[in-house]
Amino acid sequence: MTIRACLARVTLSEVARDRAGILREAFDPSEQADLEGRPDRSVAGRLALKRALVDLWEILVPGVPAASRDFVLDRLPSGAPGLRSAPGPVAWSTVRVSISHSPDLAAGLAVGPEAGGAP
């Protein structure tokens, strides 16, 4: 079995240094609006998840460049993160995502489908 999972971390201090720039470069307008007024840890968690997705896409779709802004995240009714859209031919609805926070760090985990399509 091939594990297709990527983990990325972002410090809250990174977000505090350039929150406006990070929002502009990594998030689309709907995501920016969703993050308006939310704490830096929310931005750090979403950014970490987007970075994990970029890394996962390099494994799932070699040769198809992807950037953080290419992935659009949602909040599910439970409050958990969800992937609304992604670039390329991957069935993005089969990708599982998660975010975790500590006082100084946020982590994003993205797990892709195996060859048979199950995550």
N, C-alpha and C. Protein backbone atom coordinates (compact mmCIF):
# COMPACT_ATOMS: atom_id res chain seq x y z
N MET A 1 0.85 -1.18 0.00
CA MET A 1 0.00 0.00 0.00
C MET A 1 0.90 1.25 0.00
N THR A 2 0.59 2.17 -0.87
CA THR A 2 1.30 3.44 -0.92
C THR A 2 0.55 4.48 -0.11
N ILE A 3 1.26 5.08 0.84
CA ILE A 3 0.63 6.12 1.64
C ILE A 3 0.77 7.44 0.89
N ARG A 4 -0.32 8.10 0.73
CA ARG A 4 -0.34 9.39 0.04
C ARG A 4 -0.89 10.43 1.00
N ALA A 5 -0.03 10.88 1.87
CA ALA A 5 -0.43 11.87 2.87
C ALA A 5 0.68 12.89 3.03
N CYS A 6 0.29 14.13 3.23
CA CYS A 6 1.27 15.20 3.42
C CYS A 6 0.85 16.05 4.61
N LEU A 7 1.85 16.44 5.39
CA LEU A 7 1.66 17.27 6.56
C LEU A 7 2.48 18.53 6.40
N ALA A 8 1.89 19.66 6.70
CA ALA A 8 2.62 20.94 6.65
C ALA A 8 2.33 21.70 7.93
N ARG A 9 3.30 22.51 8.35
CA ARG A 9 3.16 23.30 9.57
C ARG A 9 3.39 24.77 9.26
N VAL A 10 2.69 25.63 9.99
CA VAL A 10 2.85 27.08 9.89
C VAL A 10 2.83 27.63 11.31
N THR A 11 3.81 28.46 11.62
CA THR A 11 3.82 29.09 12.93
C THR A 11 2.87 30.28 12.93
N LEU A 12 2.31 30.55 14.09
CA LEU A 12 1.42 31.70 14.21
C LEU A 12 2.20 33.00 14.03
N SER A 13 3.49 32.98 14.37
CA SER A 13 4.31 34.18 14.18
C SER A 13 4.48 34.51 12.70
N GLU A 14 4.52 33.50 11.83
CA GLU A 14 4.59 33.75 10.38
C GLU A 14 3.36 34.51 9.91
N VAL A 15 2.20 34.10 10.39
CA VAL A 15 0.95 34.77 10.01
C VAL A 15 0.91 36.17 10.59
N ALA A 16 1.32 36.32 11.84
CA ALA A 16 1.29 37.64 12.48
C ALA A 16 2.18 38.64 11.74
N ARG A 17 3.29 38.17 11.18
CA ARG A 17 4.21 39.07 10.46
C ARG A 17 3.62 39.60 9.16
N ASP A 18 2.81 38.78 8.45
CA ASP A 18 2.32 39.21 7.13
C ASP A 18 0.94 38.65 6.83
N ARG A 19 0.00 38.82 7.73
CA ARG A 19 -1.34 38.28 7.55
C ARG A 19 -1.98 38.77 6.25
N ALA A 20 -1.91 40.06 5.98
CA ALA A 20 -2.54 40.62 4.77
C ALA A 20 -1.94 40.02 3.50
N GLY A 21 -0.63 39.90 3.47
CA GLY A 21 0.04 39.32 2.30
C GLY A 21 -0.31 37.86 2.11
N ILE A 22 -0.36 37.11 3.20
CA ILE A 22 -0.71 35.69 3.13
C ILE A 22 -2.14 35.53 2.62
N LEU A 23 -3.06 36.32 3.17
CA LEU A 23 -4.45 36.25 2.71
C LEU A 23 -4.57 36.56 1.22
N ARG A 24 -3.87 37.58 0.78
CA ARG A 24 -3.93 37.99 -0.62
C ARG A 24 -3.35 36.93 -1.55
N GLU A 25 -2.24 36.32 -1.17
CA GLU A 25 -1.54 35.39 -2.06
C GLU A 25 -2.08 33.96 -2.02
N ALA A 26 -2.60 33.52 -0.88
CA ALA A 26 -2.96 32.11 -0.74
C ALA A 26 -4.46 31.83 -0.74
N PHE A 27 -5.29 32.86 -0.60
CA PHE A 27 -6.73 32.64 -0.43
C PHE A 27 -7.54 33.43 -1.44
N ASP A 28 -8.63 32.82 -1.92
CA ASP A 28 -9.50 33.54 -2.84
C ASP A 28 -10.42 34.48 -2.04
N PRO A 29 -11.14 35.36 -2.72
CA PRO A 29 -11.97 36.34 -2.00
C PRO A 29 -12.98 35.73 -1.02
N SER A 30 -13.59 34.60 -1.37
CA SER A 30 -14.56 34.00 -0.46
C SER A 30 -13.87 33.47 0.81
N GLU A 31 -12.68 32.93 0.64
CA GLU A 31 -11.93 32.45 1.80
C GLU A 31 -11.46 33.63 2.66
N GLN A 32 -11.03 34.70 2.00
CA GLN A 32 -10.60 35.88 2.74
C GLN A 32 -11.75 36.42 3.58
N ALA A 33 -12.95 36.45 3.01
CA ALA A 33 -14.11 36.93 3.75
C ALA A 33 -14.42 36.02 4.93
N ASP A 34 -14.28 34.71 4.74
CA ASP A 34 -14.53 33.76 5.81
C ASP A 34 -13.53 33.92 6.96
N LEU A 35 -12.30 34.32 6.62
CA LEU A 35 -11.25 34.47 7.64
C LEU A 35 -11.24 35.85 8.28
N GLU A 36 -12.02 36.77 7.74
CA GLU A 36 -12.09 38.12 8.30
C GLU A 36 -12.49 38.06 9.77
N GLY A 37 -11.69 38.67 10.61
CA GLY A 37 -11.99 38.73 12.04
C GLY A 37 -11.68 37.47 12.82
N ARG A 38 -11.25 36.42 12.13
CA ARG A 38 -10.89 35.18 12.83
C ARG A 38 -9.46 35.27 13.31
N PRO A 39 -9.09 34.52 14.33
CA PRO A 39 -7.74 34.61 14.90
C PRO A 39 -6.66 34.12 13.93
N ASP A 40 -5.42 34.54 14.20
CA ASP A 40 -4.28 34.12 13.37
C ASP A 40 -4.17 32.60 13.28
N ARG A 41 -4.55 31.89 14.34
CA ARG A 41 -4.44 30.43 14.30
C ARG A 41 -5.34 29.84 13.21
N SER A 42 -6.47 30.49 12.92
CA SER A 42 -7.35 30.02 11.84
C SER A 42 -6.67 30.19 10.48
N VAL A 43 -6.03 31.34 10.29
CA VAL A 43 -5.31 31.58 9.04
C VAL A 43 -4.14 30.61 8.93
N ALA A 44 -3.40 30.42 10.02
CA ALA A 44 -2.25 29.51 10.01
C ALA A 44 -2.69 28.08 9.69
N GLY A 45 -3.79 27.64 10.26
CA GLY A 45 -4.29 26.29 10.00
C GLY A 45 -4.68 26.10 8.55
N ARG A 46 -5.39 27.06 8.02
CA ARG A 46 -5.81 26.96 6.61
C ARG A 46 -4.60 27.02 5.67
N LEU A 47 -3.63 27.89 5.99
CA LEU A 47 -2.42 27.98 5.17
C LEU A 47 -1.64 26.67 5.23
N ALA A 48 -1.51 26.10 6.42
CA ALA A 48 -0.81 24.81 6.55
C ALA A 48 -1.50 23.74 5.72
N LEU A 49 -2.83 23.72 5.75
CA LEU A 49 -3.57 22.74 4.97
C LEU A 49 -3.34 22.95 3.47
N LYS A 50 -3.37 24.19 3.03
CA LYS A 50 -3.13 24.46 1.61
C LYS A 50 -1.72 24.02 1.21
N ARG A 51 -0.73 24.23 2.05
CA ARG A 51 0.64 23.80 1.75
C ARG A 51 0.71 22.27 1.69
N ALA A 52 0.00 21.59 2.58
CA ALA A 52 -0.03 20.13 2.54
C ALA A 52 -0.69 19.65 1.24
N LEU A 53 -1.74 20.34 0.81
CA LEU A 53 -2.40 19.98 -0.44
C LEU A 53 -1.48 20.19 -1.65
N VAL A 54 -0.71 21.27 -1.66
CA VAL A 54 0.26 21.49 -2.74
C VAL A 54 1.24 20.32 -2.79
N ASP A 55 1.76 19.91 -1.63
CA ASP A 55 2.69 18.79 -1.59
C ASP A 55 2.03 17.49 -2.03
N LEU A 56 0.78 17.26 -1.61
CA LEU A 56 0.07 16.05 -2.01
C LEU A 56 -0.16 16.03 -3.52
N TRP A 57 -0.48 17.17 -4.10
CA TRP A 57 -0.73 17.23 -5.55
C TRP A 57 0.52 16.87 -6.35
N GLU A 58 1.69 17.18 -5.83
CA GLU A 58 2.93 16.79 -6.51
C GLU A 58 3.05 15.28 -6.60
N ILE A 59 2.47 14.57 -5.63
CA ILE A 59 2.48 13.10 -5.62
C ILE A 59 1.36 12.56 -6.50
N LEU A 60 0.16 13.10 -6.36
CA LEU A 60 -1.01 12.59 -7.07
C LEU A 60 -1.03 12.94 -8.54
N VAL A 61 -0.54 14.14 -8.87
CA VAL A 61 -0.62 14.62 -10.25
C VAL A 61 0.74 15.20 -10.66
N PRO A 62 1.75 14.33 -10.82
CA PRO A 62 3.07 14.84 -11.20
C PRO A 62 2.99 15.65 -12.49
N GLY A 63 3.69 16.75 -12.51
CA GLY A 63 3.74 17.58 -13.71
C GLY A 63 2.62 18.61 -13.81
N VAL A 64 1.66 18.57 -12.90
CA VAL A 64 0.59 19.58 -12.88
C VAL A 64 0.90 20.53 -11.73
N PRO A 65 1.44 21.70 -12.06
CA PRO A 65 1.80 22.62 -10.98
C PRO A 65 0.57 23.11 -10.22
N ALA A 66 0.74 23.24 -8.91
CA ALA A 66 -0.35 23.74 -8.08
C ALA A 66 0.23 24.71 -7.06
N ALA A 67 -0.55 25.72 -6.73
CA ALA A 67 -0.17 26.70 -5.72
C ALA A 67 -1.27 26.73 -4.66
N SER A 68 -0.94 27.29 -3.51
CA SER A 68 -1.90 27.34 -2.40
C SER A 68 -3.24 27.92 -2.83
N ARG A 69 -3.21 28.95 -3.63
CA ARG A 69 -4.46 29.62 -4.04
C ARG A 69 -5.33 28.75 -4.95
N ASP A 70 -4.75 27.69 -5.53
CA ASP A 70 -5.50 26.79 -6.40
C ASP A 70 -6.48 25.90 -5.63
N PHE A 71 -6.31 25.82 -4.32
CA PHE A 71 -7.17 24.99 -3.48
C PHE A 71 -8.11 25.91 -2.71
N VAL A 72 -9.40 25.65 -2.82
CA VAL A 72 -10.39 26.46 -2.12
C VAL A 72 -10.97 25.62 -1.00
N LEU A 73 -10.88 26.17 0.21
CA LEU A 73 -11.34 25.47 1.41
C LEU A 73 -12.68 26.01 1.87
N ASP A 74 -13.44 25.14 2.50
CA ASP A 74 -14.73 25.47 3.09
C ASP A 74 -14.70 25.09 4.57
N ARG A 75 -15.70 25.53 5.27
CA ARG A 75 -15.96 25.02 6.61
C ARG A 75 -17.21 24.18 6.53
N LEU A 76 -17.11 22.93 6.97
CA LEU A 76 -18.28 22.06 6.99
C LEU A 76 -19.20 22.49 8.13
N PRO A 77 -20.46 22.06 8.11
CA PRO A 77 -21.38 22.43 9.18
C PRO A 77 -20.84 22.13 10.58
N SER A 78 -20.00 21.09 10.68
CA SER A 78 -19.41 20.73 11.97
C SER A 78 -18.31 21.70 12.40
N GLY A 79 -17.86 22.57 11.46
CA GLY A 79 -16.75 23.47 11.73
C GLY A 79 -15.44 22.94 11.21
N ALA A 80 -15.40 21.67 10.83
CA ALA A 80 -14.18 21.06 10.28
C ALA A 80 -13.90 21.63 8.89
N PRO A 81 -12.62 21.59 8.48
CA PRO A 81 -12.30 22.07 7.14
C PRO A 81 -12.77 21.09 6.07
N GLY A 82 -13.05 21.63 4.90
CA GLY A 82 -13.41 20.82 3.76
C GLY A 82 -12.75 21.39 2.51
N LEU A 83 -12.53 20.56 1.53
CA LEU A 83 -11.94 20.98 0.26
C LEU A 83 -13.06 21.19 -0.73
N ARG A 84 -13.22 22.44 -1.19
CA ARG A 84 -14.30 22.78 -2.13
C ARG A 84 -13.87 22.56 -3.58
N SER A 85 -12.61 22.89 -3.90
CA SER A 85 -12.13 22.67 -5.27
C SER A 85 -10.61 22.60 -5.27
N ALA A 86 -10.11 21.95 -6.34
CA ALA A 86 -8.67 21.75 -6.51
C ALA A 86 -8.36 21.62 -7.99
N PRO A 87 -7.11 21.85 -8.38
CA PRO A 87 -6.76 21.80 -9.80
C PRO A 87 -6.52 20.37 -10.31
N GLY A 88 -6.64 20.20 -11.59
CA GLY A 88 -6.25 18.95 -12.23
C GLY A 88 -7.29 17.85 -12.18
N PRO A 89 -6.88 16.66 -12.64
CA PRO A 89 -7.82 15.56 -12.84
C PRO A 89 -8.09 14.71 -11.59
N VAL A 90 -7.62 15.08 -10.43
CA VAL A 90 -7.86 14.30 -9.22
C VAL A 90 -9.31 14.47 -8.77
N ALA A 91 -9.90 13.39 -8.33
CA ALA A 91 -11.25 13.47 -7.75
C ALA A 91 -11.09 14.08 -6.36
N TRP A 92 -11.06 15.39 -6.31
CA TRP A 92 -10.74 16.08 -5.06
C TRP A 92 -11.70 15.76 -3.94
N SER A 93 -12.90 15.29 -4.29
CA SER A 93 -13.87 14.94 -3.24
C SER A 93 -13.42 13.71 -2.45
N THR A 94 -12.42 12.97 -2.96
CA THR A 94 -11.91 11.80 -2.25
C THR A 94 -10.72 12.15 -1.35
N VAL A 95 -10.30 13.40 -1.35
CA VAL A 95 -9.18 13.84 -0.51
C VAL A 95 -9.72 14.20 0.86
N ARG A 96 -9.07 13.70 1.89
CA ARG A 96 -9.46 13.99 3.27
C ARG A 96 -8.49 15.01 3.85
N VAL A 97 -9.02 15.95 4.62
CA VAL A 97 -8.18 17.02 5.17
C VAL A 97 -8.46 17.20 6.66
N SER A 98 -7.45 17.73 7.35
CA SER A 98 -7.60 18.00 8.78
C SER A 98 -6.65 19.12 9.17
N ILE A 99 -7.04 19.87 10.20
CA ILE A 99 -6.22 20.95 10.74
C ILE A 99 -6.12 20.76 12.25
N SER A 100 -4.94 21.05 12.79
CA SER A 100 -4.75 21.01 14.24
C SER A 100 -3.97 22.25 14.65
N HIS A 101 -4.21 22.71 15.89
CA HIS A 101 -3.54 23.91 16.39
C HIS A 101 -2.90 23.64 17.74
N SER A 102 -1.82 24.34 18.01
CA SER A 102 -1.26 24.44 19.35
C SER A 102 -1.13 25.94 19.61
N PRO A 103 -0.66 26.35 20.77
CA PRO A 103 -0.57 27.80 21.00
C PRO A 103 0.33 28.55 20.00
N ASP A 104 1.34 27.89 19.43
CA ASP A 104 2.28 28.57 18.55
C ASP A 104 2.34 28.03 17.13
N LEU A 105 1.62 26.96 16.85
CA LEU A 105 1.79 26.24 15.60
C LEU A 105 0.45 25.70 15.11
N ALA A 106 0.30 25.67 13.79
CA ALA A 106 -0.85 25.01 13.17
C ALA A 106 -0.32 23.97 12.19
N ALA A 107 -1.05 22.88 12.06
CA ALA A 107 -0.66 21.83 11.13
C ALA A 107 -1.84 21.48 10.25
N GLY A 108 -1.53 21.18 8.99
CA GLY A 108 -2.54 20.75 8.04
C GLY A 108 -2.16 19.39 7.49
N LEU A 109 -3.11 18.49 7.41
CA LEU A 109 -2.88 17.15 6.89
C LEU A 109 -3.82 16.91 5.71
N ALA A 110 -3.25 16.41 4.62
CA ALA A 110 -4.04 16.06 3.43
C ALA A 110 -3.73 14.62 3.06
N VAL A 111 -4.77 13.82 2.91
CA VAL A 111 -4.62 12.41 2.57
C VAL A 111 -5.34 12.15 1.26
N GLY A 112 -4.61 11.61 0.30
CA GLY A 112 -5.18 11.39 -1.02
C GLY A 112 -5.65 9.98 -1.23
N PRO A 113 -6.37 9.76 -2.32
CA PRO A 113 -6.88 8.43 -2.62
C PRO A 113 -5.77 7.46 -3.02
N GLU A 114 -5.97 6.20 -2.71
CA GLU A 114 -5.06 5.17 -3.17
C GLU A 114 -5.40 4.88 -4.62
N ALA A 115 -4.68 3.97 -5.22
CA ALA A 115 -4.89 3.66 -6.63
C ALA A 115 -6.35 3.28 -6.92
N GLY A 116 -7.00 2.61 -5.99
CA GLY A 116 -8.40 2.21 -6.19
C GLY A 116 -9.38 3.33 -5.94
N GLY A 117 -8.90 4.49 -5.47
CA GLY A 117 -9.76 5.63 -5.26
C GLY A 117 -10.17 5.88 -3.83
N ALA A 118 -9.92 4.94 -2.92
CA ALA A 118 -10.30 5.16 -1.52
C ALA A 118 -9.24 5.94 -0.79
N PRO A 119 -9.62 6.89 0.05
CA PRO A 119 -8.61 7.64 0.80
C PRO A 119 -8.04 6.80 1.93
